[in-house]
C-alpha atoms as a PDB file:
ATOM      1  CA  MET A   1     -38.389  24.112  -9.882  1.00  0.00           C
ATOM      2  CA  LEU A   2     -35.472  22.821 -11.849  1.00  0.00           C
ATOM      3  CA  ASP A   3     -35.128  23.410 -15.561  1.00  0.00           C
ATOM      4  CA  GLN A   4     -33.962  20.696 -17.908  1.00  0.00           C
ATOM      5  CA  ARG A   5     -30.269  21.423 -17.214  1.00  0.00           C
ATOM      6  CA  GLY A   6     -30.942  21.360 -13.489  1.00  0.00           C
ATOM      7  CA  ARG A   7     -32.536  17.889 -13.843  1.00  0.00           C
ATOM      8  CA  LEU A   8     -29.522  16.633 -15.916  1.00  0.00           C
ATOM      9  CA  LEU A   9     -27.117  18.021 -13.249  1.00  0.00           C
ATOM     10  CA  ARG A  10     -29.061  16.365 -10.484  1.00  0.00           C
ATOM     11  CA  ALA A  11     -28.979  12.991 -12.371  1.00  0.00           C
ATOM     12  CA  ALA A  12     -25.240  13.285 -13.131  1.00  0.00           C
ATOM     13  CA  LEU A  13     -24.347  13.998  -9.540  1.00  0.00           C
ATOM     14  CA  GLY A  14     -26.598  11.150  -8.404  1.00  0.00           C
ATOM     15  CA  PHE A  15     -24.917   8.625 -10.694  1.00  0.00           C
ATOM     16  CA  ALA A  16     -21.511  10.025  -9.756  1.00  0.00           C
ATOM     17  CA  GLY A  17     -22.133   9.055  -6.166  1.00  0.00           C
ATOM     18  CA  LEU A  18     -22.711   5.383  -6.960  1.00  0.00           C
ATOM     19  CA  PRO A  19     -20.014   2.832  -6.348  1.00  0.00           C
ATOM     20  CA  ARG A  20     -18.056   2.168  -9.523  1.00  0.00           C
ATOM     21  CA  PRO A  21     -18.126  -1.520 -10.716  1.00  0.00           C
ATOM     22  CA  SER A  22     -15.114  -2.382 -12.724  1.00  0.00           C
ATOM     23  CA  TYR A  23     -17.193  -3.240 -15.701  1.00  0.00           C
ATOM     24  CA  ASP A  24     -19.297  -0.020 -15.868  1.00  0.00           C
ATOM     25  CA  ARG A  25     -17.491   2.270 -18.317  1.00  0.00           C
ATOM     26  CA  ALA A  26     -20.249   4.904 -18.208  1.00  0.00           C
ATOM     27  CA  LEU A  27     -19.742   5.585 -14.414  1.00  0.00           C
ATOM     28  CA  TRP A  28     -16.023   5.576 -14.869  1.00  0.00           C
ATOM     29  CA  ALA A  29     -16.291   8.197 -17.576  1.00  0.00           C
ATOM     30  CA  LEU A  30     -18.722  10.284 -15.495  1.00  0.00           C
ATOM     31  CA  ARG A  31     -16.332  10.196 -12.494  1.00  0.00           C
ATOM     32  CA  TYR A  32     -13.343  11.071 -14.697  1.00  0.00           C
ATOM     33  CA  TRP A  33     -15.313  13.995 -16.062  1.00  0.00           C
ATOM     34  CA  LEU A  34     -16.449  15.386 -12.658  1.00  0.00           C
ATOM     35  CA  ASP A  35     -13.495  14.397 -10.287  1.00  0.00           C
ATOM     36  CA  CYS A  36     -11.168  17.240 -11.158  1.00  0.00           C
ATOM     37  CA  TRP A  37     -10.979  21.044 -11.031  1.00  0.00           C
ATOM     38  CA  SER A  38     -12.777  21.517 -14.347  1.00  0.00           C
ATOM     39  CA  GLY A  39     -15.421  19.180 -12.951  1.00  0.00           C
ATOM     40  CA  ILE A  40     -16.027  21.611 -10.066  1.00  0.00           C
ATOM     41  CA  GLY A  41     -16.397  24.261 -12.798  1.00  0.00           C
ATOM     42  CA  HIS A  42     -19.086  22.262 -14.537  1.00  0.00           C
ATOM     43  CA  VAL A  43     -21.056  21.846 -11.293  1.00  0.00           C
ATOM     44  CA  VAL A  44     -20.620  25.472 -10.392  1.00  0.00           C
ATOM     45  CA  VAL A  45     -21.887  26.670 -13.767  1.00  0.00           C
ATOM     46  CA  GLY A  46     -24.865  24.250 -13.566  1.00  0.00           C
ATOM     47  CA  MET A  47     -25.655  25.467  -9.996  1.00  0.00           C
ATOM     48  CA  ALA A  48     -25.290  29.103 -10.967  1.00  0.00           C
ATOM     49  CA  ARG A  49     -27.859  28.594 -13.731  1.00  0.00           C
ATOM     50  CA  GLN A  50     -30.210  27.380 -10.942  1.00  0.00           C
ATOM     51  CA  GLY A  51     -29.474  30.442  -8.768  1.00  0.00           C
ATOM     52  CA  TYR A  52     -26.742  29.300  -6.368  1.00  0.00           C
ATOM     53  CA  ASP A  53     -23.210  30.465  -5.503  1.00  0.00           C
ATOM     54  CA  LEU A  54     -20.369  28.292  -4.248  1.00  0.00           C
ATOM     55  CA  GLN A  55     -18.125  28.894  -1.326  1.00  0.00           C
ATOM     56  CA  LEU A  56     -15.230  26.377  -1.221  1.00  0.00           C
ATOM     57  CA  THR A  57     -12.874  26.333   1.791  1.00  0.00           C
ATOM     58  CA  ARG A  58      -9.755  24.090   2.376  1.00  0.00           C
ATOM     59  CA  TYR A  59      -9.006  23.146   5.997  1.00  0.00           C
ATOM     60  CA  ASP A  60      -5.286  22.297   5.988  1.00  0.00           C
ATOM     61  CA  GLU A  61      -4.861  18.599   5.160  1.00  0.00           C
ATOM     62  CA  LYS A  62      -8.155  17.619   6.819  1.00  0.00           C
ATOM     63  CA  GLY A  63     -10.442  18.199   3.864  1.00  0.00           C
ATOM     64  CA  TRP A  64     -12.681  20.609   2.070  1.00  0.00           C
ATOM     65  CA  ARG A  65     -16.044  22.200   2.747  1.00  0.00           C
ATOM     66  CA  ALA A  66     -18.285  23.216  -0.118  1.00  0.00           C
ATOM     67  CA  THR A  67     -21.346  25.369   0.562  1.00  0.00           C
ATOM     68  CA  PHE A  68     -23.957  26.535  -1.871  1.00  0.00           C
ATOM     69  CA  TYR A  69     -25.962  29.618  -1.067  1.00  0.00           C
ATOM     70  CA  THR A  70     -28.759  31.331  -2.850  1.00  0.00           C
ATOM     71  CA  THR A  71     -27.258  33.858  -5.306  1.00  0.00           C
ATOM     72  CA  GLY A  72     -26.879  37.301  -3.862  1.00  0.00           C
ATOM     73  CA  MET A  73     -24.521  39.648  -2.121  1.00  0.00           C
ATOM     74  CA  GLU A  74     -24.934  38.411   1.477  1.00  0.00           C
ATOM     75  CA  HIS A  75     -24.244  34.874   2.502  1.00  0.00           C
ATOM     76  CA  SER A  76     -24.805  33.671   6.018  1.00  0.00           C
ATOM     77  CA  PRO A  77     -24.859  30.184   7.591  1.00  0.00           C
ATOM     78  CA  THR A  78     -28.629  30.399   7.881  1.00  0.00           C
ATOM     79  CA  SER A  79     -28.932  30.915   4.011  1.00  0.00           C
ATOM     80  CA  ALA A  80     -26.859  27.846   3.110  1.00  0.00           C
ATOM     81  CA  THR A  81     -28.885  25.444   1.028  1.00  0.00           C
ATOM     82  CA  GLY A  82     -26.367  22.707   0.565  1.00  0.00           C
ATOM     83  CA  THR A  83     -23.026  21.829   2.203  1.00  0.00           C
ATOM     84  CA  GLY A  84     -20.583  19.008   1.896  1.00  0.00           C
ATOM     85  CA  TRP A  85     -17.342  17.942   3.770  1.00  0.00           C
ATOM     86  CA  GLU A  86     -14.933  15.589   1.913  1.00  0.00           C
ATOM     87  CA  ARG A  87     -11.203  14.891   1.502  1.00  0.00           C
ATOM     88  CA  THR A  88     -11.241  16.281  -2.071  1.00  0.00           C
ATOM     89  CA  PRO A  89     -12.691  19.541  -3.329  1.00  0.00           C
ATOM     90  CA  TRP A  90     -14.587  17.941  -6.186  1.00  0.00           C
ATOM     91  CA  HIS A  91     -16.315  15.430  -3.939  1.00  0.00           C
ATOM     92  CA  ALA A  92     -17.262  18.098  -1.411  1.00  0.00           C
ATOM     93  CA  THR A  93     -18.761  20.160  -4.277  1.00  0.00           C
ATOM     94  CA  GLN A  94     -20.668  17.207  -5.646  1.00  0.00           C
ATOM     95  CA  ARG A  95     -22.105  16.349  -2.274  1.00  0.00           C
ATOM     96  CA  ALA A  96     -23.131  19.971  -1.576  1.00  0.00           C
ATOM     97  CA  ALA A  97     -24.869  20.307  -4.950  1.00  0.00           C
END
């Protein structure tokens, strides 16, 4: 069960995935806040509070894979709880979360 911060993170990531109409300043601000390296940090901290670790891997110029695992010492493909593949590391992290 998600705590209040977890629900806010879920809502923010949901809204971040919406298309950005030119007139919607709130969505532009949200994307500006999340679509950068510090945005990855915000998502990682929020997911860590919910009990998840992030593995972020770059594949040359092809893109990035972000995978969240349940917090712990051993991570295996079978313990992955969320994964995302995108051209940018922040979008991959958002999709995985």
